[in-house]
Amino acid sequence: MPRARYSEHVPILEDESTSDSETDSLFDNEADSETDTDQYSVPAEVATDPYNYTTGHWLNRDLLQREARYVKFDFPALCKKAVDTCSGATKVIRYKKKEGGFNRVFIPYLDNGERVVARGPFRIAGPRRLVTNSEVATMTYVLDWSDDDNNSIGTEYIIMEHVPGAQLHDKWPSMSPHQHMLCVKRVAFIVTEMAKLPFPAYGSLYFANAPIDPKSKLEFAEGFCIGPHWTELPSYCSGLIDAGFSRIPKSNGSVEELPYRGSVQEHLHLLNISEKVVRKLIKAPIIQQVASPTLLHPDLHKRNIYVSEEDPSCVTAITDWQSTKEEAARKRHEKDVWTCRQTFEVVIKGYIPKLHNARAMDQTLLGPFCYCDASWRDSAAALRQELIEVSQRWTELGLPGSCPFQLKLEELAEHAKQYEDFESAQQSKMFLKRALDADSDGWVPAENWETAKQGHEIMCLPTLSSLLSAAPSHWITHLRSFSTNNQP
């Protein structure tokens, strides 16, 4: 089974920040001494700024998003570390930079003809020390790493071997339907091998010496542990609810939220109800049958799968084990897509029945689990809708007793209005996303930024005017401030 490795094509990213011609002279110094730090210096004017985010912009809160991805560290020290990991190398002659939503990757080209991959997390990736430790624990081919920013580089990092290969996302359009089917089949068998591993708890994989409270560690295999962990489904669900509570601010703040988003008090109430609903759901046999801990990749899509250049149906690597970014499927050829799906399902059904059953179960049962930990981000209307759907179909779904969540007719009517607003907002976002060729979070590549920004302004102003003319009075203030609050 291929282990996690890094190719030059980094997940989520399509374009290099600079061309090879711009970087050919980087670090190219005649000094041969490894102690000569000048060979690791980088001109300040180089476009591939190692510290700031330069790959793209966001249509929403651009400055805040880019500041969250600024990393202060010693880049020359990282380059020296890359040289030290490769026998026969004395200096970096050039490098490429790639950036995802949660990490920055450098590909140093060394003077001995070799390449390595150096990666560091942004602070928005989560607890960076744990994120780094957990990802290294899933990999082979790691040359050097540190999960403690108190090092010579000043940030957590992973240095890996460079692995030849192509991103499946790039190869997919030129592959035949038969190659698509073979590739999906091989991915399904990789998933099968992962799912067969006995995983004793809910949690993430770490090295046994990870900086985690010993009480929160559970021994897994020699040299590895799971932690922080939950050994039982009820405690795991309590963790989901606790995460939801932790994301709710203490007050609504100075900006009035749109009604469908919900107040702090409303979110607190919904989470308390969600806890009661979830605790009843997990007692149902239909949930218990598919709730065993299973080792799976968290975000398996074409940008995280690498294939052979010669035969793209052969999978060479799977990457980005800590990522949570979604990738929407594009159905260009419905028959081809159907064949790939059927191939995947046949393998999963035959080799991992528990995973097949989980994928095949009624998604209404999973709604409260999916929304309860992030209701403040997704809106009160979204979580409430999931609770309503479970409540209305409680008996039909074969659940015991009655649902703890019940609404009166007038409450259902009010929710219907708010949920309609929620869906309208989502449709508007999807329209802008497609029209401006942006990601779901409003990200656009740097080369498209000026065009996308102008298009955003042109399309948003008429939309805002029409909303103001038809909006209830309590929407007016919020809508008038929309343009200002969402600009860089």
Foldseek 3Di string as FASTA:
>chain_A
DFFAAAAPQAFPWDDWQDDCVLWQAALVDPDQDLVPLSSLDGDPPRSPPVFWDAFWAFLFPGVVQGVQQGDDWARSVVQSVLQVLDPPFRHFRGWIWDDDSWKIKIWTQTPVRFIKIKMFTGPVLDLRLVLQQLQVQRGDQWRDWHSDLPDNTNGTMTIGGHDDFDQLVVVVVVDDLVLLQLLLLVVLVVQLVQQVQADQWPATKGFPPRPDDPVCWADDDVRMTGGVTGRDPLVVLVVLLVLLLVPQDPFPPDADDDVQQDGSVLLVVLSVLLNQQVVLLCVDPLNVLQPHDGDGQQEDDRSQWTAHPVRRSHTNHGHDSSDNDHDDDDCPDVVSVVSSVVSSLVSCCVRPVSVSSVVPADCLSCQSVVCSNPSSPLGSLSNVVSLVVCQVCVVVSVGPDHRSDDDDPVVVVVSVVSVVVSVVVQVVLVVLCVVLVAPSSRIDTNVSVVVSNVVCVVVVVVVLVVCCVPDDPVCNVNSVCVVVNGHD
